[in-house]
Amino acid sequence: MYVISNKQLEDIQTFLAAFKSLPAEDNKTFNLQRRAGITIKKLAKAQQISNEQLKSIQDERKIGNSESKRD
């Protein structure tokens, strides 16, 4: 799982939509465009996380980083 910013999400969706609108010249491109469409739909359904959840994730990363430095 990755946490990305709203701007990054918008950039990804824009890129996928642009790729999907290109003319498909072969089966490989057609299948990639089909997968781009599926990914756009999945991203549209993705849930946003709250600020509290983001803070919790950041705290967990800090704890994990400090423990790995001890080893």
PDB file of N, CA and C in Angstrom:
ATOM      1  N   MET A   1       0.852  -1.168   0.000  1.00  0.00           N
ATOM      2  CA  MET A   1       0.000   0.000   0.000  1.00  0.00           C
ATOM      3  C   MET A   1       0.900   1.232   0.000  1.00  0.00           C
ATOM      4  N   TYR A   2       0.490   2.217  -0.750  1.00  0.00           N
ATOM      5  CA  TYR A   2       1.213   3.472  -0.827  1.00  0.00           C
ATOM      6  C   TYR A   2       0.271   4.618  -0.487  1.00  0.00           C
ATOM      7  N   VAL A   3       0.825   5.645   0.085  1.00  0.00           N
ATOM      8  CA  VAL A   3       0.068   6.864   0.351  1.00  0.00           C
ATOM      9  C   VAL A   3       0.591   7.909  -0.633  1.00  0.00           C
ATOM     10  N   ILE A   4      -0.310   8.460  -1.447  1.00  0.00           N
ATOM     11  CA  ILE A   4       0.080   9.474  -2.413  1.00  0.00           C
ATOM     12  C   ILE A   4      -0.777  10.714  -2.194  1.00  0.00           C
ATOM     13  N   SER A   5      -0.272  11.834  -2.646  1.00  0.00           N
ATOM     14  CA  SER A   5      -1.001  13.090  -2.472  1.00  0.00           C
ATOM     15  C   SER A   5      -2.141  13.184  -3.481  1.00  0.00           C
ATOM     16  N   ASN A   6      -3.055  14.082  -3.225  1.00  0.00           N
ATOM     17  CA  ASN A   6      -4.175  14.306  -4.142  1.00  0.00           C
ATOM     18  C   ASN A   6      -3.662  14.741  -5.507  1.00  0.00           C
ATOM     19  N   LYS A   7      -2.617  15.563  -5.540  1.00  0.00           N
ATOM     20  CA  LYS A   7      -2.040  16.035  -6.799  1.00  0.00           C
ATOM     21  C   LYS A   7      -1.454  14.874  -7.592  1.00  0.00           C
ATOM     22  N   GLN A   8      -0.752  13.977  -6.900  1.00  0.00           N
ATOM     23  CA  GLN A   8      -0.190  12.815  -7.579  1.00  0.00           C
ATOM     24  C   GLN A   8      -1.294  11.930  -8.149  1.00  0.00           C
ATOM     25  N   LEU A   9      -2.379  11.762  -7.404  1.00  0.00           N
ATOM     26  CA  LEU A   9      -3.514  10.976  -7.876  1.00  0.00           C
ATOM     27  C   LEU A   9      -4.110  11.593  -9.132  1.00  0.00           C
ATOM     28  N   GLU A  10      -4.286  12.908  -9.133  1.00  0.00           N
ATOM     29  CA  GLU A  10      -4.817  13.598 -10.306  1.00  0.00           C
ATOM     30  C   GLU A  10      -3.893  13.437 -11.505  1.00  0.00           C
ATOM     31  N   ASP A  11      -2.580  13.534 -11.284  1.00  0.00           N
ATOM     32  CA  ASP A  11      -1.613  13.365 -12.370  1.00  0.00           C
ATOM     33  C   ASP A  11      -1.685  11.956 -12.961  1.00  0.00           C
ATOM     34  N   ILE A  12      -1.795  10.964 -12.113  1.00  0.00           N
ATOM     35  CA  ILE A  12      -1.892   9.580 -12.573  1.00  0.00           C
ATOM     36  C   ILE A  12      -3.165   9.376 -13.386  1.00  0.00           C
ATOM     37  N   GLN A  13      -4.277   9.876 -12.874  1.00  0.00           N
ATOM     38  CA  GLN A  13      -5.543   9.727 -13.588  1.00  0.00           C
ATOM     39  C   GLN A  13      -5.500  10.439 -14.941  1.00  0.00           C
ATOM     40  N   THR A  14      -4.895  11.618 -14.997  1.00  0.00           N
ATOM     41  CA  THR A  14      -4.772  12.359 -16.255  1.00  0.00           C
ATOM     42  C   THR A  14      -3.916  11.587 -17.252  1.00  0.00           C
ATOM     43  N   PHE A  15      -2.798  11.051 -16.776  1.00  0.00           N
ATOM     44  CA  PHE A  15      -1.919  10.278 -17.647  1.00  0.00           C
ATOM     45  C   PHE A  15      -2.637   9.046 -18.196  1.00  0.00           C
ATOM     46  N   LEU A  16      -3.314   8.309 -17.320  1.00  0.00           N
ATOM     47  CA  LEU A  16      -4.014   7.101 -17.758  1.00  0.00           C
ATOM     48  C   LEU A  16      -5.115   7.426 -18.764  1.00  0.00           C
ATOM     49  N   ALA A  17      -5.839   8.513 -18.524  1.00  0.00           N
ATOM     50  CA  ALA A  17      -6.904   8.908 -19.446  1.00  0.00           C
ATOM     51  C   ALA A  17      -6.316   9.288 -20.811  1.00  0.00           C
ATOM     52  N   ALA A  18      -5.187   9.982 -20.809  1.00  0.00           N
ATOM     53  CA  ALA A  18      -4.540  10.354 -22.067  1.00  0.00           C
ATOM     54  C   ALA A  18      -4.042   9.116 -22.809  1.00  0.00           C
ATOM     55  N   PHE A  19      -3.456   8.192 -22.083  1.00  0.00           N
ATOM     56  CA  PHE A  19      -2.973   6.952 -22.694  1.00  0.00           C
ATOM     57  C   PHE A  19      -4.131   6.141 -23.273  1.00  0.00           C
ATOM     58  N   LYS A  20      -5.223   6.105 -22.546  1.00  0.00           N
ATOM     59  CA  LYS A  20      -6.382   5.336 -22.990  1.00  0.00           C
ATOM     60  C   LYS A  20      -6.980   5.912 -24.269  1.00  0.00           C
ATOM     61  N   SER A  21      -6.859   7.216 -24.486  1.00  0.00           N
ATOM     62  CA  SER A  21      -7.469   7.854 -25.641  1.00  0.00           C
ATOM     63  C   SER A  21      -6.624   7.743 -26.922  1.00  0.00           C
ATOM     64  N   LEU A  22      -5.382   7.264 -26.807  1.00  0.00           N
ATOM     65  CA  LEU A  22      -4.543   7.095 -27.991  1.00  0.00           C
ATOM     66  C   LEU A  22      -5.086   5.961 -28.864  1.00  0.00           C
ATOM     67  N   PRO A  23      -4.877   6.029 -30.177  1.00  0.00           N
ATOM     68  CA  PRO A  23      -5.324   4.925 -31.033  1.00  0.00           C
ATOM     69  C   PRO A  23      -4.476   3.675 -30.792  1.00  0.00           C
ATOM     70  N   ALA A  24      -5.129   2.544 -30.642  1.00  0.00           N
ATOM     71  CA  ALA A  24      -4.433   1.279 -30.401  1.00  0.00           C
ATOM     72  C   ALA A  24      -3.999   0.685 -31.736  1.00  0.00           C
ATOM     73  N   GLU A  25      -2.702   0.448 -31.880  1.00  0.00           N
ATOM     74  CA  GLU A  25      -2.178  -0.088 -33.134  1.00  0.00           C
ATOM     75  C   GLU A  25      -1.965  -1.589 -33.092  1.00  0.00           C
ATOM     76  N   ASP A  26      -1.910  -2.161 -31.897  1.00  0.00           N
ATOM     77  CA  ASP A  26      -1.730  -3.605 -31.783  1.00  0.00           C
ATOM     78  C   ASP A  26      -2.426  -4.108 -30.520  1.00  0.00           C
ATOM     79  N   ASN A  27      -2.444  -5.423 -30.352  1.00  0.00           N
ATOM     80  CA  ASN A  27      -3.135  -6.032 -29.212  1.00  0.00           C
ATOM     81  C   ASN A  27      -2.511  -5.636 -27.881  1.00  0.00           C
ATOM     82  N   LYS A  28      -1.187  -5.528 -27.844  1.00  0.00           N
ATOM     83  CA  LYS A  28      -0.507  -5.167 -26.596  1.00  0.00           C
ATOM     84  C   LYS A  28      -0.958  -3.787 -26.133  1.00  0.00           C
ATOM     85  N   THR A  29      -0.985  -2.832 -27.044  1.00  0.00           N
ATOM     86  CA  THR A  29      -1.431  -1.476 -26.698  1.00  0.00           C
ATOM     87  C   THR A  29      -2.894  -1.481 -26.289  1.00  0.00           C
ATOM     88  N   PHE A  30      -3.705  -2.237 -27.015  1.00  0.00           N
ATOM     89  CA  PHE A  30      -5.125  -2.323 -26.684  1.00  0.00           C
ATOM     90  C   PHE A  30      -5.321  -2.861 -25.266  1.00  0.00           C
ATOM     91  N   ASN A  31      -4.594  -3.912 -24.921  1.00  0.00           N
ATOM     92  CA  ASN A  31      -4.718  -4.491 -23.584  1.00  0.00           C
ATOM     93  C   ASN A  31      -4.219  -3.544 -22.502  1.00  0.00           C
ATOM     94  N   LEU A  32      -3.139  -2.819 -22.779  1.00  0.00           N
ATOM     95  CA  LEU A  32      -2.652  -1.832 -21.818  1.00  0.00           C
ATOM     96  C   LEU A  32      -3.677  -0.712 -21.615  1.00  0.00           C
ATOM     97  N   GLN A  33      -4.321  -0.301 -22.696  1.00  0.00           N
ATOM     98  CA  GLN A  33      -5.353   0.731 -22.590  1.00  0.00           C
ATOM     99  C   GLN A  33      -6.561   0.225 -21.821  1.00  0.00           C
ATOM    100  N   ARG A  34      -6.908  -1.037 -22.018  1.00  0.00           N
ATOM    101  CA  ARG A  34      -8.012  -1.630 -21.258  1.00  0.00           C
ATOM    102  C   ARG A  34      -7.671  -1.639 -19.768  1.00  0.00           C
ATOM    103  N   ARG A  35      -6.430  -2.018 -19.442  1.00  0.00           N
ATOM    104  CA  ARG A  35      -5.997  -2.017 -18.043  1.00  0.00           C
ATOM    105  C   ARG A  35      -5.946  -0.607 -17.471  1.00  0.00           C
ATOM    106  N   ALA A  36      -5.607   0.373 -18.298  1.00  0.00           N
ATOM    107  CA  ALA A  36      -5.611   1.770 -17.859  1.00  0.00           C
ATOM    108  C   ALA A  36      -7.026   2.181 -17.463  1.00  0.00           C
ATOM    109  N   GLY A  37      -8.009   1.774 -18.257  1.00  0.00           N
ATOM    110  CA  GLY A  37      -9.402   2.073 -17.936  1.00  0.00           C
ATOM    111  C   GLY A  37      -9.842   1.430 -16.635  1.00  0.00           C
ATOM    112  N   ILE A  38      -9.437   0.193 -16.428  1.00  0.00           N
ATOM    113  CA  ILE A  38      -9.765  -0.510 -15.178  1.00  0.00           C
ATOM    114  C   ILE A  38      -9.120   0.199 -13.993  1.00  0.00           C
ATOM    115  N   THR A  39      -7.869   0.619 -14.164  1.00  0.00           N
ATOM    116  CA  THR A  39      -7.160   1.314 -13.090  1.00  0.00           C
ATOM    117  C   THR A  39      -7.807   2.654 -12.770  1.00  0.00           C
ATOM    118  N   ILE A  40      -8.273   3.360 -13.787  1.00  0.00           N
ATOM    119  CA  ILE A  40      -8.965   4.632 -13.564  1.00  0.00           C
ATOM    120  C   ILE A  40     -10.200   4.404 -12.694  1.00  0.00           C
ATOM    121  N   LYS A  41     -10.943   3.346 -12.986  1.00  0.00           N
ATOM    122  CA  LYS A  41     -12.147   3.036 -12.202  1.00  0.00           C
ATOM    123  C   LYS A  41     -11.789   2.673 -10.765  1.00  0.00           C
ATOM    124  N   LYS A  42     -10.719   1.902 -10.587  1.00  0.00           N
ATOM    125  CA  LYS A  42     -10.294   1.523  -9.233  1.00  0.00           C
ATOM    126  C   LYS A  42      -9.846   2.747  -8.439  1.00  0.00           C
ATOM    127  N   LEU A  43      -9.123   3.645  -9.095  1.00  0.00           N
ATOM    128  CA  LEU A  43      -8.668   4.855  -8.406  1.00  0.00           C
ATOM    129  C   LEU A  43      -9.847   5.738  -8.014  1.00  0.00           C
ATOM    130  N   ALA A  44     -10.879   5.750  -8.850  1.00  0.00           N
ATOM    131  CA  ALA A  44     -12.063   6.558  -8.538  1.00  0.00           C
ATOM    132  C   ALA A  44     -12.770   6.028  -7.291  1.00  0.00           C
ATOM    133  N   LYS A  45     -12.663   4.726  -7.047  1.00  0.00           N
ATOM    134  CA  LYS A  45     -13.306   4.108  -5.882  1.00  0.00           C
ATOM    135  C   LYS A  45     -12.428   4.144  -4.625  1.00  0.00           C
ATOM    136  N   ALA A  46     -11.159   4.494  -4.789  1.00  0.00           N
ATOM    137  CA  ALA A  46     -10.233   4.487  -3.658  1.00  0.00           C
ATOM    138  C   ALA A  46     -10.691   5.474  -2.591  1.00  0.00           C
ATOM    139  N   GLN A  47     -10.479   5.086  -1.346  1.00  0.00           N
ATOM    140  CA  GLN A  47     -10.899   5.927  -0.233  1.00  0.00           C
ATOM    141  C   GLN A  47      -9.768   6.859   0.175  1.00  0.00           C
ATOM    142  N   GLN A  48     -10.157   8.072   0.522  1.00  0.00           N
ATOM    143  CA  GLN A  48      -9.178   9.006   1.062  1.00  0.00           C
ATOM    144  C   GLN A  48      -8.962   8.679   2.530  1.00  0.00           C
ATOM    145  N   ILE A  49      -7.765   8.976   3.008  1.00  0.00           N
ATOM    146  CA  ILE A  49      -7.497   8.755   4.424  1.00  0.00           C
ATOM    147  C   ILE A  49      -7.600  10.083   5.154  1.00  0.00           C
ATOM    148  N   SER A  50      -7.936   9.983   6.420  1.00  0.00           N
ATOM    149  CA  SER A  50      -8.070  11.196   7.228  1.00  0.00           C
ATOM    150  C   SER A  50      -6.691  11.669   7.679  1.00  0.00           C
ATOM    151  N   ASN A  51      -6.644  12.878   8.185  1.00  0.00           N
ATOM    152  CA  ASN A  51      -5.382  13.414   8.707  1.00  0.00           C
ATOM    153  C   ASN A  51      -4.889  12.589   9.886  1.00  0.00           C
ATOM    154  N   GLU A  52      -5.818  12.069  10.691  1.00  0.00           N
ATOM    155  CA  GLU A  52      -5.429  11.232  11.825  1.00  0.00           C
ATOM    156  C   GLU A  52      -4.770   9.942  11.344  1.00  0.00           C
ATOM    157  N   GLN A  53      -5.325   9.334  10.297  1.00  0.00           N
ATOM    158  CA  GLN A  53      -4.739   8.114   9.750  1.00  0.00           C
ATOM    159  C   GLN A  53      -3.359   8.398   9.164  1.00  0.00           C
ATOM    160  N   LEU A  54      -3.204   9.516   8.485  1.00  0.00           N
ATOM    161  CA  LEU A  54      -1.913   9.882   7.917  1.00  0.00           C
ATOM    162  C   LEU A  54      -0.884  10.091   9.022  1.00  0.00           C
ATOM    163  N   LYS A  55      -1.270  10.768  10.091  1.00  0.00           N
ATOM    164  CA  LYS A  55      -0.358  10.985  11.209  1.00  0.00           C
ATOM    165  C   LYS A  55       0.054   9.650  11.824  1.00  0.00           C
ATOM    166  N   SER A  56      -0.897   8.729  11.956  1.00  0.00           N
ATOM    167  CA  SER A  56      -0.599   7.414  12.506  1.00  0.00           C
ATOM    168  C   SER A  56       0.405   6.667  11.629  1.00  0.00           C
ATOM    169  N   ILE A  57       0.235   6.741  10.321  1.00  0.00           N
ATOM    170  CA  ILE A  57       1.158   6.090   9.388  1.00  0.00           C
ATOM    171  C   ILE A  57       2.545   6.706   9.506  1.00  0.00           C
ATOM    172  N   GLN A  58       2.610   8.026   9.587  1.00  0.00           N
ATOM    173  CA  GLN A  58       3.899   8.703   9.719  1.00  0.00           C
ATOM    174  C   GLN A  58       4.588   8.323  11.018  1.00  0.00           C
ATOM    175  N   ASP A  59       3.816   8.210  12.106  1.00  0.00           N
ATOM    176  CA  ASP A  59       4.383   7.815  13.393  1.00  0.00           C
ATOM    177  C   ASP A  59       4.932   6.394  13.328  1.00  0.00           C
ATOM    178  N   GLU A  60       4.199   5.488  12.668  1.00  0.00           N
ATOM    179  CA  GLU A  60       4.655   4.107  12.536  1.00  0.00           C
ATOM    180  C   GLU A  60       5.954   4.037  11.740  1.00  0.00           C
ATOM    181  N   ARG A  61       6.056   4.857  10.702  1.00  0.00           N
ATOM    182  CA  ARG A  61       7.287   4.873   9.904  1.00  0.00           C
ATOM    183  C   ARG A  61       8.464   5.372  10.726  1.00  0.00           C
ATOM    184  N   LYS A  62       8.226   6.393  11.563  1.00  0.00           N
ATOM    185  CA  LYS A  62       9.296   6.927  12.399  1.00  0.00           C
ATOM    186  C   LYS A  62       9.784   5.867  13.373  1.00  0.00           C
ATOM    187  N   ILE A  63       8.844   5.137  13.959  1.00  0.00           N
ATOM    188  CA  ILE A  63       9.206   4.081  14.916  1.00  0.00           C
ATOM    189  C   ILE A  63       9.991   2.985  14.205  1.00  0.00           C
ATOM    190  N   GLY A  64       9.526   2.594  13.032  1.00  0.00           N
ATOM    191  CA  GLY A  64      10.214   1.563  12.259  1.00  0.00           C
ATOM    192  C   GLY A  64      11.604   1.973  11.845  1.00  0.00           C
ATOM    193  N   ASN A  65      11.767   3.226  11.453  1.00  0.00           N
ATOM    194  CA  ASN A  65      13.089   3.720  11.046  1.00  0.00           C
ATOM    195  C   ASN A  65      14.042   3.766  12.221  1.00  0.00           C
ATOM    196  N   SER A  66      13.556   4.170  13.382  1.00  0.00           N
ATOM    197  CA  SER A  66      14.442   4.250  14.549  1.00  0.00           C
ATOM    198  C   SER A  66      14.851   2.860  15.018  1.00  0.00           C
ATOM    199  N   GLU A  67      13.969   1.873  14.876  1.00  0.00           N
ATOM    200  CA  GLU A  67      14.305   0.507  15.278  1.00  0.00           C
ATOM    201  C   GLU A  67      15.309  -0.110  14.317  1.00  0.00           C
ATOM    202  N   SER A  68      15.199   0.182  13.043  1.00  0.00           N
ATOM    203  CA  SER A  68      16.132  -0.377  12.068  1.00  0.00           C
ATOM    204  C   SER A  68      17.520   0.224  12.214  1.00  0.00           C
ATOM    205  N   LYS A  69      17.620   1.464  12.697  1.00  0.00           N
ATOM    206  CA  LYS A  69      18.922   2.086  12.900  1.00  0.00           C
ATOM    207  C   LYS A  69      19.652   1.470  14.081  1.00  0.00           C
ATOM    208  N   ARG A  70      18.903   0.907  15.035  1.00  0.00           N
ATOM    209  CA  ARG A  70      19.510   0.304  16.220  1.00  0.00           C
ATOM    210  C   ARG A  70      20.198  -1.010  15.859  1.00  0.00           C
ATOM    211  N   ASP A  71      19.712  -1.686  14.832  1.00  0.00           N
ATOM    212  CA  ASP A  71      20.249  -3.004  14.471  1.00  0.00           C
ATOM    213  C   ASP A  71      21.586  -2.920  13.881  1.00  0.00           C
TER     214      ASP A  71
END
